[in-house]
Amino acid sequence: MRVSAASTLLSIWSLVMKAVEHDVPVVAALDFPPLMTWEDVMQDELEDRLGFARRATLALLTQSGEQLVAGFAGGNPKGLEGAMKAVALFQAHLQEMERLAGMAERRLQRVGEALAAAD
């Protein structure tokens, strides 16, 4: 099941990158050799689900609505579902970080109050 999620996110990433390719001027469209294989990307997703979700979320933000519709069209409901899960995972992480940061802030305020009272 985890490999399926990785495959879904990889297809999302591929669609996003294909949509970007159409906007690249010919001068900037250089043919560089790939630095990673799909297996490398899948391994990254397995080892760093949160990082992968963050990168997928940010990649989705680089696309216009038209590009996203085109990328997820054509019988790709799993790709859309996978993208939604990746974004939800990243959002849940950010909410947890916000909660923890609030707790840390309150602790520091108490420390400041204790130090001020001790003076």
PDB file of N, CA and C in Angstrom:
ATOM      1  N   MET A   1       0.820  -1.188   0.000  1.00  0.00           N
ATOM      2  CA  MET A   1       0.000   0.000   0.000  1.00  0.00           C
ATOM      3  C   MET A   1       0.866   1.255   0.000  1.00  0.00           C
ATOM      4  N   ARG A   2       1.971   1.229   0.737  1.00  0.00           N
ATOM      5  CA  ARG A   2       2.862   2.375   0.782  1.00  0.00           C
ATOM      6  C   ARG A   2       3.506   2.608  -0.586  1.00  0.00           C
ATOM      7  N   VAL A   3       3.857   1.530  -1.268  1.00  0.00           N
ATOM      8  CA  VAL A   3       4.430   1.661  -2.597  1.00  0.00           C
ATOM      9  C   VAL A   3       3.402   2.269  -3.539  1.00  0.00           C
ATOM     10  N   SER A   4       2.136   1.924  -3.367  1.00  0.00           N
ATOM     11  CA  SER A   4       1.079   2.490  -4.190  1.00  0.00           C
ATOM     12  C   SER A   4       0.993   3.997  -3.988  1.00  0.00           C
ATOM     13  N   ALA A   5       1.112   4.443  -2.742  1.00  0.00           N
ATOM     14  CA  ALA A   5       1.089   5.885  -2.461  1.00  0.00           C
ATOM     15  C   ALA A   5       2.295   6.550  -3.101  1.00  0.00           C
ATOM     16  N   ALA A   6       3.440   5.881  -3.039  1.00  0.00           N
ATOM     17  CA  ALA A   6       4.638   6.437  -3.657  1.00  0.00           C
ATOM     18  C   ALA A   6       4.451   6.544  -5.164  1.00  0.00           C
ATOM     19  N   SER A   7       3.901   5.513  -5.761  1.00  0.00           N
ATOM     20  CA  SER A   7       3.662   5.542  -7.202  1.00  0.00           C
ATOM     21  C   SER A   7       2.703   6.652  -7.575  1.00  0.00           C
ATOM     22  N   THR A   8       1.680   6.832  -6.771  1.00  0.00           N
ATOM     23  CA  THR A   8       0.698   7.888  -7.027  1.00  0.00           C
ATOM     24  C   THR A   8       1.353   9.254  -6.946  1.00  0.00           C
ATOM     25  N   LEU A   9       2.157   9.480  -5.904  1.00  0.00           N
ATOM     26  CA  LEU A   9       2.826  10.766  -5.769  1.00  0.00           C
ATOM     27  C   LEU A   9       3.836  10.988  -6.883  1.00  0.00           C
ATOM     28  N   LEU A  10       4.482   9.919  -7.322  1.00  0.00           N
ATOM     29  CA  LEU A  10       5.409  10.047  -8.440  1.00  0.00           C
ATOM     30  C   LEU A  10       4.679  10.438  -9.714  1.00  0.00           C
ATOM     31  N   SER A  11       3.493   9.879  -9.926  1.00  0.00           N
ATOM     32  CA  SER A  11       2.734  10.256 -11.119  1.00  0.00           C
ATOM     33  C   SER A  11       2.292  11.703 -11.026  1.00  0.00           C
ATOM     34  N   ILE A  12       1.974  12.169  -9.817  1.00  0.00           N
ATOM     35  CA  ILE A  12       1.613  13.578  -9.628  1.00  0.00           C
ATOM     36  C   ILE A  12       2.802  14.449  -9.984  1.00  0.00           C
ATOM     37  N   TRP A  13       3.951  14.093  -9.433  1.00  0.00           N
ATOM     38  CA  TRP A  13       5.163  14.863  -9.689  1.00  0.00           C
ATOM     39  C   TRP A  13       5.458  14.886 -11.182  1.00  0.00           C
ATOM     40  N   SER A  14       5.310  13.767 -11.834  1.00  0.00           N
ATOM     41  CA  SER A  14       5.555  13.686 -13.275  1.00  0.00           C
ATOM     42  C   SER A  14       4.612  14.595 -14.036  1.00  0.00           C
ATOM     43  N   LEU A  15       3.339  14.592 -13.660  1.00  0.00           N
ATOM     44  CA  LEU A  15       2.362  15.458 -14.329  1.00  0.00           C
ATOM     45  C   LEU A  15       2.682  16.926 -14.119  1.00  0.00           C
ATOM     46  N   VAL A  16       3.064  17.275 -12.906  1.00  0.00           N
ATOM     47  CA  VAL A  16       3.415  18.663 -12.621  1.00  0.00           C
ATOM     48  C   VAL A  16       4.612  19.075 -13.457  1.00  0.00           C
ATOM     49  N   MET A  17       5.606  18.225 -13.515  1.00  0.00           N
ATOM     50  CA  MET A  17       6.803  18.563 -14.268  1.00  0.00           C
ATOM     51  C   MET A  17       6.524  18.624 -15.771  1.00  0.00           C
ATOM     52  N   LYS A  18       5.653  17.764 -16.288  1.00  0.00           N
ATOM     53  CA  LYS A  18       5.292  17.825 -17.699  1.00  0.00           C
ATOM     54  C   LYS A  18       4.568  19.127 -18.012  1.00  0.00           C
ATOM     55  N   ALA A  19       3.724  19.565 -17.099  1.00  0.00           N
ATOM     56  CA  ALA A  19       3.009  20.826 -17.303  1.00  0.00           C
ATOM     57  C   ALA A  19       3.987  21.986 -17.337  1.00  0.00           C
ATOM     58  N   VAL A  20       5.020  21.929 -16.531  1.00  0.00           N
ATOM     59  CA  VAL A  20       6.015  22.997 -16.496  1.00  0.00           C
ATOM     60  C   VAL A  20       6.821  23.020 -17.791  1.00  0.00           C
ATOM     61  N   GLU A  21       7.115  21.853 -18.345  1.00  0.00           N
ATOM     62  CA  GLU A  21       7.930  21.773 -19.551  1.00  0.00           C
ATOM     63  C   GLU A  21       7.356  22.576 -20.703  1.00  0.00           C
ATOM     64  N   HIS A  22       6.042  22.710 -20.774  1.00  0.00           N
ATOM     65  CA  HIS A  22       5.421  23.425 -21.872  1.00  0.00           C
ATOM     66  C   HIS A  22       5.664  24.924 -21.797  1.00  0.00           C
ATOM     67  N   ASP A  23       6.008  25.430 -20.625  1.00  0.00           N
ATOM     68  CA  ASP A  23       6.205  26.853 -20.435  1.00  0.00           C
ATOM     69  C   ASP A  23       7.665  27.277 -20.542  1.00  0.00           C
ATOM     70  N   VAL A  24       8.576  26.349 -20.753  1.00  0.00           N
ATOM     71  CA  VAL A  24       9.994  26.662 -20.795  1.00  0.00           C
ATOM     72  C   VAL A  24      10.379  27.127 -22.195  1.00  0.00           C
ATOM     73  N   PRO A  25      10.994  28.304 -22.305  1.00  0.00           N
ATOM     74  CA  PRO A  25      11.442  28.765 -23.626  1.00  0.00           C
ATOM     75  C   PRO A  25      12.462  27.783 -24.208  1.00  0.00           C
ATOM     76  N   VAL A  26      12.548  27.732 -25.512  1.00  0.00           N
ATOM     77  CA  VAL A  26      13.434  26.793 -26.189  1.00  0.00           C
ATOM     78  C   VAL A  26      14.879  27.000 -25.747  1.00  0.00           C
ATOM     79  N   VAL A  27      15.297  28.239 -25.564  1.00  0.00           N
ATOM     80  CA  VAL A  27      16.668  28.531 -25.161  1.00  0.00           C
ATOM     81  C   VAL A  27      16.984  27.905 -23.805  1.00  0.00           C
ATOM     82  N   ALA A  28      16.022  27.914 -22.889  1.00  0.00           N
ATOM     83  CA  ALA A  28      16.259  27.393 -21.548  1.00  0.00           C
ATOM     84  C   ALA A  28      16.040  25.892 -21.444  1.00  0.00           C
ATOM     85  N   ALA A  29      15.488  25.255 -22.469  1.00  0.00           N
ATOM     86  CA  ALA A  29      15.177  23.831 -22.421  1.00  0.00           C
ATOM     87  C   ALA A  29      16.417  23.024 -22.807  1.00  0.00           C
ATOM     88  N   LEU A  30      17.356  22.908 -21.873  1.00  0.00           N
ATOM     89  CA  LEU A  30      18.575  22.151 -22.112  1.00  0.00           C
ATOM     90  C   LEU A  30      18.328  20.691 -21.785  1.00  0.00           C
ATOM     91  N   ASP A  31      19.080  19.829 -22.438  1.00  0.00           N
ATOM     92  CA  ASP A  31      18.913  18.401 -22.223  1.00  0.00           C
ATOM     93  C   ASP A  31      19.963  17.905 -21.242  1.00  0.00           C
ATOM     94  N   PHE A  32      19.642  17.995 -19.931  1.00  0.00           N
ATOM     95  CA  PHE A  32      20.542  17.505 -18.904  1.00  0.00           C
ATOM     96  C   PHE A  32      20.235  16.046 -18.634  1.00  0.00           C
ATOM     97  N   PRO A  33      21.240  15.262 -18.303  1.00  0.00           N
ATOM     98  CA  PRO A  33      20.968  13.873 -17.929  1.00  0.00           C
ATOM     99  C   PRO A  33      20.274  13.843 -16.569  1.00  0.00           C
ATOM    100  N   PRO A  34      19.420  12.865 -16.341  1.00  0.00           N
ATOM    101  CA  PRO A  34      18.739  12.780 -15.047  1.00  0.00           C
ATOM    102  C   PRO A  34      19.744  12.512 -13.924  1.00  0.00           C
ATOM    103  N   LEU A  35      19.489  13.111 -12.784  1.00  0.00           N
ATOM    104  CA  LEU A  35      20.350  12.915 -11.621  1.00  0.00           C
ATOM    105  C   LEU A  35      19.792  11.869 -10.671  1.00  0.00           C
ATOM    106  N   MET A  36      18.512  11.553 -10.840  1.00  0.00           N
ATOM    107  CA  MET A  36      17.868  10.552  -9.997  1.00  0.00           C
ATOM    108  C   MET A  36      17.003   9.663 -10.865  1.00  0.00           C
ATOM    109  N   THR A  37      16.788   8.448 -10.403  1.00  0.00           N
ATOM    110  CA  THR A  37      15.851   7.553 -11.073  1.00  0.00           C
ATOM    111  C   THR A  37      14.529   7.609 -10.330  1.00  0.00           C
ATOM    112  N   TRP A  38      13.475   7.050 -10.930  1.00  0.00           N
ATOM    113  CA  TRP A  38      12.193   6.992 -10.230  1.00  0.00           C
ATOM    114  C   TRP A  38      12.316   6.174  -8.958  1.00  0.00           C
ATOM    115  N   GLU A  39      13.195   5.154  -8.973  1.00  0.00           N
ATOM    116  CA  GLU A  39      13.413   4.355  -7.776  1.00  0.00           C
ATOM    117  C   GLU A  39      14.000   5.220  -6.658  1.00  0.00           C
ATOM    118  N   ASP A  40      14.890   6.154  -7.023  1.00  0.00           N
ATOM    119  CA  ASP A  40      15.447   7.073  -6.029  1.00  0.00           C
ATOM    120  C   ASP A  40      14.351   7.932  -5.415  1.00  0.00           C
ATOM    121  N   VAL A  41      13.446   8.418  -6.251  1.00  0.00           N
ATOM    122  CA  VAL A  41      12.353   9.262  -5.774  1.00  0.00           C
ATOM    123  C   VAL A  41      11.422   8.454  -4.875  1.00  0.00           C
ATOM    124  N   MET A  42      11.113   7.223  -5.290  1.00  0.00           N
ATOM    125  CA  MET A  42      10.249   6.370  -4.466  1.00  0.00           C
ATOM    126  C   MET A  42      10.907   6.073  -3.123  1.00  0.00           C
ATOM    127  N   GLN A  43      12.204   5.842  -3.138  1.00  0.00           N
ATOM    128  CA  GLN A  43      12.929   5.586  -1.891  1.00  0.00           C
ATOM    129  C   GLN A  43      12.882   6.825  -0.999  1.00  0.00           C
ATOM    130  N   ASP A  44      13.012   8.006  -1.604  1.00  0.00           N
ATOM    131  CA  ASP A  44      12.909   9.253  -0.845  1.00  0.00           C
ATOM    132  C   ASP A  44      11.549   9.369  -0.183  1.00  0.00           C
ATOM    133  N   GLU A  45      10.505   9.021  -0.912  1.00  0.00           N
ATOM    134  CA  GLU A  45       9.148   9.092  -0.357  1.00  0.00           C
ATOM    135  C   GLU A  45       8.999   8.122   0.803  1.00  0.00           C
ATOM    136  N   LEU A  46       9.567   6.941   0.671  1.00  0.00           N
ATOM    137  CA  LEU A  46       9.459   5.948   1.738  1.00  0.00           C
ATOM    138  C   LEU A  46      10.255   6.368   2.973  1.00  0.00           C
ATOM    139  N   GLU A  47      11.411   6.975   2.764  1.00  0.00           N
ATOM    140  CA  GLU A  47      12.271   7.361   3.876  1.00  0.00           C
ATOM    141  C   GLU A  47      11.865   8.691   4.503  1.00  0.00           C
ATOM    142  N   ASP A  48      11.238   9.551   3.718  1.00  0.00           N
ATOM    143  CA  ASP A  48      10.921  10.904   4.184  1.00  0.00           C
ATOM    144  C   ASP A  48       9.544  11.305   3.671  1.00  0.00           C
ATOM    145  N   ARG A  49       8.501  10.659   4.205  1.00  0.00           N
ATOM    146  CA  ARG A  49       7.142  10.934   3.731  1.00  0.00           C
ATOM    147  C   ARG A  49       6.774  12.391   3.881  1.00  0.00           C
ATOM    148  N   LEU A  50       7.143  12.979   5.005  1.00  0.00           N
ATOM    149  CA  LEU A  50       6.790  14.370   5.257  1.00  0.00           C
ATOM    150  C   LEU A  50       7.519  15.308   4.293  1.00  0.00           C
ATOM    151  N   GLY A  51       8.789  15.076   4.088  1.00  0.00           N
ATOM    152  CA  GLY A  51       9.547  15.895   3.136  1.00  0.00           C
ATOM    153  C   GLY A  51       8.988  15.762   1.733  1.00  0.00           C
ATOM    154  N   PHE A  52       8.632  14.548   1.370  1.00  0.00           N
ATOM    155  CA  PHE A  52       8.054  14.328   0.047  1.00  0.00           C
ATOM    156  C   PHE A  52       6.721  15.062  -0.077  1.00  0.00           C
ATOM    157  N   ALA A  53       5.904  14.999   0.987  1.00  0.00           N
ATOM    158  CA  ALA A  53       4.612  15.701   0.983  1.00  0.00           C
ATOM    159  C   ALA A  53       4.823  17.206   0.869  1.00  0.00           C
ATOM    160  N   ARG A  54       5.837  17.720   1.563  1.00  0.00           N
ATOM    161  CA  ARG A  54       6.153  19.156   1.478  1.00  0.00           C
ATOM    162  C   ARG A  54       6.545  19.531   0.056  1.00  0.00           C
ATOM    163  N   ARG A  55       7.432  18.744  -0.537  1.00  0.00           N
ATOM    164  CA  ARG A  55       7.880  19.047  -1.901  1.00  0.00           C
ATOM    165  C   ARG A  55       6.732  18.928  -2.907  1.00  0.00           C
ATOM    166  N   ALA A  56       5.888  17.923  -2.742  1.00  0.00           N
ATOM    167  CA  ALA A  56       4.738  17.765  -3.644  1.00  0.00           C
ATOM    168  C   ALA A  56       3.771  18.933  -3.494  1.00  0.00           C
ATOM    169  N   THR A  57       3.539  19.369  -2.247  1.00  0.00           N
ATOM    170  CA  THR A  57       2.646  20.507  -1.996  1.00  0.00           C
ATOM    171  C   THR A  57       3.184  21.754  -2.673  1.00  0.00           C
ATOM    172  N   LEU A  58       4.447  22.018  -2.483  1.00  0.00           N
ATOM    173  CA  LEU A  58       5.040  23.216  -3.081  1.00  0.00           C
ATOM    174  C   LEU A  58       5.072  23.115  -4.611  1.00  0.00           C
ATOM    175  N   ALA A  59       5.311  21.929  -5.133  1.00  0.00           N
ATOM    176  CA  ALA A  59       5.305  21.751  -6.591  1.00  0.00           C
ATOM    177  C   ALA A  59       3.924  22.037  -7.169  1.00  0.00           C
ATOM    178  N   LEU A  60       2.885  21.620  -6.449  1.00  0.00           N
ATOM    179  CA  LEU A  60       1.523  21.882  -6.921  1.00  0.00           C
ATOM    180  C   LEU A  60       1.237  23.381  -6.972  1.00  0.00           C
ATOM    181  N   LEU A  61       1.865  24.141  -6.099  1.00  0.00           N
ATOM    182  CA  LEU A  61       1.652  25.589  -6.068  1.00  0.00           C
ATOM    183  C   LEU A  61       2.326  26.311  -7.227  1.00  0.00           C
ATOM    184  N   THR A  62       3.188  25.608  -7.947  1.00  0.00           N
ATOM    185  CA  THR A  62       3.857  26.238  -9.088  1.00  0.00           C
ATOM    186  C   THR A  62       3.018  26.154 -10.357  1.00  0.00           C
ATOM    187  N   GLN A  63       1.904  25.440 -10.294  1.00  0.00           N
ATOM    188  CA  GLN A  63       1.086  25.208 -11.483  1.00  0.00           C
ATOM    189  C   GLN A  63      -0.178  26.059 -11.475  1.00  0.00           C
ATOM    190  N   SER A  64      -0.606  26.458 -12.664  1.00  0.00           N
ATOM    191  CA  SER A  64      -1.877  27.172 -12.782  1.00  0.00           C
ATOM    192  C   SER A  64      -3.019  26.166 -12.666  1.00  0.00           C
ATOM    193  N   GLY A  65      -4.215  26.685 -12.445  1.00  0.00           N
ATOM    194  CA  GLY A  65      -5.380  25.807 -12.384  1.00  0.00           C
ATOM    195  C   GLY A  65      -5.551  25.019 -13.668  1.00  0.00           C
ATOM    196  N   GLU A  66      -5.316  25.671 -14.783  1.00  0.00           N
ATOM    197  CA  GLU A  66      -5.438  25.009 -16.093  1.00  0.00           C
ATOM    198  C   GLU A  66      -4.436  23.862 -16.219  1.00  0.00           C
ATOM    199  N   GLN A  67      -3.221  24.094 -15.768  1.00  0.00           N
ATOM    200  CA  GLN A  67      -2.194  23.054 -15.847  1.00  0.00           C
ATOM    201  C   GLN A  67      -2.540  21.878 -14.925  1.00  0.00           C
ATOM    202  N   LEU A  68      -3.059  22.184 -13.754  1.00  0.00           N
ATOM    203  CA  LEU A  68      -3.434  21.112 -12.837  1.00  0.00           C
ATOM    204  C   LEU A  68      -4.588  20.289 -13.381  1.00  0.00           C
ATOM    205  N   VAL A  69      -5.590  20.956 -13.950  1.00  0.00           N
ATOM    206  CA  VAL A  69      -6.726  20.232 -14.535  1.00  0.00           C
ATOM    207  C   VAL A  69      -6.222  19.339 -15.666  1.00  0.00           C
ATOM    208  N   ALA A  70      -5.362  19.877 -16.513  1.00  0.00           N
ATOM    209  CA  ALA A  70      -4.822  19.080 -17.624  1.00  0.00           C
ATOM    210  C   ALA A  70      -3.996  17.903 -17.102  1.00  0.00           C
ATOM    211  N   GLY A  71      -3.237  18.135 -16.055  1.00  0.00           N
ATOM    212  CA  GLY A  71      -2.384  17.077 -15.513  1.00  0.00           C
ATOM    213  C   GLY A  71      -3.151  15.953 -14.850  1.00  0.00           C
ATOM    214  N   PHE A  72      -4.268  16.286 -14.211  1.00  0.00           N
ATOM    215  CA  PHE A  72      -5.035  15.260 -13.507  1.00  0.00           C
ATOM    216  C   PHE A  72      -6.186  14.723 -14.338  1.00  0.00           C
ATOM    217  N   ALA A  73      -6.390  15.255 -15.518  1.00  0.00           N
ATOM    218  CA  ALA A  73      -7.457  14.772 -16.402  1.00  0.00           C
ATOM    219  C   ALA A  73      -7.040  13.444 -17.036  1.00  0.00           C
ATOM    220  N   GLY A  74      -7.945  12.864 -17.753  1.00  0.00           N
ATOM    221  CA  GLY A  74      -7.614  11.654 -18.504  1.00  0.00           C
ATOM    222  C   GLY A  74      -7.555  10.402 -17.649  1.00  0.00           C
ATOM    223  N   GLY A  75      -8.481  10.269 -16.743  1.00  0.00           N
ATOM    224  CA  GLY A  75      -8.547   9.039 -15.959  1.00  0.00           C
ATOM    225  C   GLY A  75      -7.440   8.909 -14.937  1.00  0.00           C
ATOM    226  N   ASN A  76      -7.110   9.998 -14.258  1.00  0.00           N
ATOM    227  CA  ASN A  76      -6.060   9.950 -13.252  1.00  0.00           C
ATOM    228  C   ASN A  76      -6.613  10.272 -11.865  1.00  0.00           C
ATOM    229  N   PRO A  77      -7.695   9.584 -11.439  1.00  0.00           N
ATOM    230  CA  PRO A  77      -8.247   9.890 -10.113  1.00  0.00           C
ATOM    231  C   PRO A  77      -7.293   9.504  -8.979  1.00  0.00           C
ATOM    232  N   LYS A  78      -6.471   8.483  -9.177  1.00  0.00           N
ATOM    233  CA  LYS A  78      -5.518   8.096  -8.143  1.00  0.00           C
ATOM    234  C   LYS A  78      -4.460   9.174  -7.950  1.00  0.00           C
ATOM    235  N   GLY A  79      -4.071   9.808  -9.036  1.00  0.00           N
ATOM    236  CA  GLY A  79      -3.091  10.891  -8.938  1.00  0.00           C
ATOM    237  C   GLY A  79      -3.631  12.053  -8.134  1.00  0.00           C
ATOM    238  N   LEU A  80      -4.875  12.434  -8.402  1.00  0.00           N
ATOM    239  CA  LEU A  80      -5.508  13.525  -7.667  1.00  0.00           C
ATOM    240  C   LEU A  80      -5.676  13.146  -6.201  1.00  0.00           C
ATOM    241  N   GLU A  81      -6.118  11.916  -5.957  1.00  0.00           N
ATOM    242  CA  GLU A  81      -6.291  11.449  -4.581  1.00  0.00           C
ATOM    243  C   GLU A  81      -4.958  11.439  -3.837  1.00  0.00           C
ATOM    244  N   GLY A  82      -3.915  10.991  -4.504  1.00  0.00           N
ATOM    245  CA  GLY A  82      -2.588  10.973  -3.891  1.00  0.00           C
ATOM    246  C   GLY A  82      -2.088  12.374  -3.580  1.00  0.00           C
ATOM    247  N   ALA A  83      -2.344  13.307  -4.489  1.00  0.00           N
ATOM    248  CA  ALA A  83      -1.932  14.695  -4.263  1.00  0.00           C
ATOM    249  C   ALA A  83      -2.674  15.274  -3.070  1.00  0.00           C
ATOM    250  N   MET A  84      -3.952  14.978  -2.982  1.00  0.00           N
ATOM    251  CA  MET A  84      -4.746  15.479  -1.864  1.00  0.00           C
ATOM    252  C   MET A  84      -4.242  14.898  -0.538  1.00  0.00           C
ATOM    253  N   LYS A  85      -3.861  13.635  -0.535  1.00  0.00           N
ATOM    254  CA  LYS A  85      -3.334  13.014   0.680  1.00  0.00           C
ATOM    255  C   LYS A  85      -1.995  13.627   1.069  1.00  0.00           C
ATOM    256  N   ALA A  86      -1.156  13.904   0.081  1.00  0.00           N
ATOM    257  CA  ALA A  86       0.150  14.516   0.363  1.00  0.00           C
ATOM    258  C   ALA A  86      -0.031  15.899   0.971  1.00  0.00           C
ATOM    259  N   VAL A  87      -0.932  16.681   0.408  1.00  0.00           N
ATOM    260  CA  VAL A  87      -1.186  18.027   0.932  1.00  0.00           C
ATOM    261  C   VAL A  87      -1.786  17.945   2.337  1.00  0.00           C
ATOM    262  N   ALA A  88      -2.693  17.006   2.554  1.00  0.00           N
ATOM    263  CA  ALA A  88      -3.298  16.841   3.882  1.00  0.00           C
ATOM    264  C   ALA A  88      -2.245  16.444   4.917  1.00  0.00           C
ATOM    265  N   LEU A  89      -1.325  15.585   4.548  1.00  0.00           N
ATOM    266  CA  LEU A  89      -0.256  15.181   5.453  1.00  0.00           C
ATOM    267  C   LEU A  89       0.600  16.384   5.829  1.00  0.00           C
ATOM    268  N   PHE A  90       0.961  17.184   4.843  1.00  0.00           N
ATOM    269  CA  PHE A  90       1.789  18.361   5.111  1.00  0.00           C
ATOM    270  C   PHE A  90       1.023  19.371   5.965  1.00  0.00           C
ATOM    271  N   GLN A  91      -0.249  19.567   5.678  1.00  0.00           N
ATOM    272  CA  GLN A  91      -1.062  20.505   6.453  1.00  0.00           C
ATOM    273  C   GLN A  91      -1.192  20.045   7.909  1.00  0.00           C
ATOM    274  N   ALA A  92      -1.401  18.765   8.124  1.00  0.00           N
ATOM    275  CA  ALA A  92      -1.502  18.237   9.490  1.00  0.00           C
ATOM    276  C   ALA A  92      -0.186  18.459  10.240  1.00  0.00           C
ATOM    277  N   HIS A  93       0.912  18.271   9.548  1.00  0.00           N
ATOM    278  CA  HIS A  93       2.220  18.510  10.163  1.00  0.00           C
ATOM    279  C   HIS A  93       2.365  19.981  10.564  1.00  0.00           C
ATOM    280  N   LEU A  94       1.984  20.881   9.670  1.00  0.00           N
ATOM    281  CA  LEU A  94       2.094  22.305   9.986  1.00  0.00           C
ATOM    282  C   LEU A  94       1.207  22.690  11.168  1.00  0.00           C
ATOM    283  N   GLN A  95       0.032  22.117  11.240  1.00  0.00           N
ATOM    284  CA  GLN A  95      -0.858  22.399  12.360  1.00  0.00           C
ATOM    285  C   GLN A  95      -0.248  21.910  13.674  1.00  0.00           C
ATOM    286  N   GLU A  96       0.369  20.733  13.643  1.00  0.00           N
ATOM    287  CA  GLU A  96       1.022  20.209  14.839  1.00  0.00           C
ATOM    288  C   GLU A  96       2.211  21.093  15.228  1.00  0.00           C
ATOM    289  N   MET A  97       2.971  21.540  14.253  1.00  0.00           N
ATOM    290  CA  MET A  97       4.103  22.419  14.542  1.00  0.00           C
ATOM    291  C   MET A  97       3.629  23.741  15.136  1.00  0.00           C
ATOM    292  N   GLU A  98       2.514  24.260  14.632  1.00  0.00           N
ATOM    293  CA  GLU A  98       1.951  25.488  15.180  1.00  0.00           C
ATOM    294  C   GLU A  98       1.540  25.282  16.642  1.00  0.00           C
ATOM    295  N   ARG A  99       0.926  24.157  16.936  1.00  0.00           N
ATOM    296  CA  ARG A  99       0.517  23.842  18.303  1.00  0.00           C
ATOM    297  C   ARG A  99       1.732  23.758  19.219  1.00  0.00           C
ATOM    298  N   LEU A 100       2.774  23.047  18.777  1.00  0.00           N
ATOM    299  CA  LEU A 100       3.979  22.900  19.586  1.00  0.00           C
ATOM    300  C   LEU A 100       4.706  24.232  19.765  1.00  0.00           C
ATOM    301  N   ALA A 101       4.743  25.043  18.724  1.00  0.00           N
ATOM    302  CA  ALA A 101       5.381  26.361  18.832  1.00  0.00           C
ATOM    303  C   ALA A 101       4.630  27.230  19.837  1.00  0.00           C
ATOM    304  N   GLY A 102       3.311  27.145  19.855  1.00  0.00           N
ATOM    305  CA  GLY A 102       2.519  27.889  20.834  1.00  0.00           C
ATOM    306  C   GLY A 102       2.842  27.451  22.252  1.00  0.00           C
ATOM    307  N   MET A 103       2.995  26.154  22.449  1.00  0.00           N
ATOM    308  CA  MET A 103       3.348  25.633  23.772  1.00  0.00           C
ATOM    309  C   MET A 103       4.730  26.134  24.187  1.00  0.00           C
ATOM    310  N   ALA A 104       5.681  26.097  23.263  1.00  0.00           N
ATOM    311  CA  ALA A 104       7.039  26.561  23.563  1.00  0.00           C
ATOM    312  C   ALA A 104       7.026  28.057  23.890  1.00  0.00           C
ATOM    313  N   GLU A 105       6.243  28.816  23.154  1.00  0.00           N
ATOM    314  CA  GLU A 105       6.146  30.253  23.401  1.00  0.00           C
ATOM    315  C   GLU A 105       5.590  30.530  24.804  1.00  0.00           C
ATOM    316  N   ARG A 106       4.543  29.799  25.183  1.00  0.00           N
ATOM    317  CA  ARG A 106       3.966  29.977  26.521  1.00  0.00           C
ATOM    318  C   ARG A 106       4.971  29.603  27.612  1.00  0.00           C
ATOM    319  N   ARG A 107       5.746  28.565  27.388  1.00  0.00           N
ATOM    320  CA  ARG A 107       6.769  28.175  28.357  1.00  0.00           C
ATOM    321  C   ARG A 107       7.810  29.286  28.520  1.00  0.00           C
ATOM    322  N   LEU A 108       8.235  29.848  27.395  1.00  0.00           N
ATOM    323  CA  LEU A 108       9.233  30.919  27.467  1.00  0.00           C
ATOM    324  C   LEU A 108       8.678  32.149  28.169  1.00  0.00           C
ATOM    325  N   GLN A 109       7.404  32.429  27.957  1.00  0.00           N
ATOM    326  CA  GLN A 109       6.784  33.553  28.663  1.00  0.00           C
ATOM    327  C   GLN A 109       6.800  33.311  30.170  1.00  0.00           C
ATOM    328  N   ARG A 110       6.506  32.075  30.590  1.00  0.00           N
ATOM    329  CA  ARG A 110       6.533  31.742  32.022  1.00  0.00           C
ATOM    330  C   ARG A 110       7.944  31.881  32.597  1.00  0.00           C
ATOM    331  N   VAL A 111       8.938  31.441  31.822  1.00  0.00           N
ATOM    332  CA  VAL A 111      10.318  31.579  32.249  1.00  0.00           C
ATOM    333  C   VAL A 111      10.660  33.057  32.412  1.00  0.00           C
ATOM    334  N   GLY A 112      10.253  33.860  31.445  1.00  0.00           N
ATOM    335  CA  GLY A 112      10.492  35.306  31.532  1.00  0.00           C
ATOM    336  C   GLY A 112       9.813  35.922  32.754  1.00  0.00           C
ATOM    337  N   GLU A 113       8.606  35.503  33.029  1.00  0.00           N
ATOM    338  CA  GLU A 113       7.881  36.009  34.201  1.00  0.00           C
ATOM    339  C   GLU A 113       8.566  35.581  35.502  1.00  0.00           C
ATOM    340  N   ALA A 114       9.023  34.336  35.537  1.00  0.00           N
ATOM    341  CA  ALA A 114       9.721  33.833  36.728  1.00  0.00           C
ATOM    342  C   ALA A 114      11.026  34.592  36.948  1.00  0.00           C
ATOM    343  N   LEU A 115      11.758  34.849  35.879  1.00  0.00           N
ATOM    344  CA  LEU A 115      13.015  35.587  35.999  1.00  0.00           C
ATOM    345  C   LEU A 115      12.767  37.030  36.427  1.00  0.00           C
ATOM    346  N   ALA A 116      11.722  37.636  35.887  1.00  0.00           N
ATOM    347  CA  ALA A 116      11.382  39.020  36.268  1.00  0.00           C
ATOM    348  C   ALA A 116      10.958  39.095  37.730  1.00  0.00           C
ATOM    349  N   ALA A 117      10.248  38.093  38.201  1.00  0.00           N
ATOM    350  CA  ALA A 117       9.804  38.072  39.591  1.00  0.00           C
ATOM    351  C   ALA A 117      10.969  37.852  40.552  1.00  0.00           C
ATOM    352  N   ALA A 118      11.994  37.119  40.085  1.00  0.00           N
ATOM    353  CA  ALA A 118      13.159  36.829  40.923  1.00  0.00           C
ATOM    354  C   ALA A 118      14.063  38.044  41.086  1.00  0.00           C
ATOM    355  N   ASP A 119      13.964  39.002  40.193  1.00  0.00           N
ATOM    356  CA  ASP A 119      14.826  40.204  40.281  1.00  0.00           C
ATOM    357  C   ASP A 119      14.368  41.157  41.301  1.00  0.00           C
TER     358      ASP A 119
END
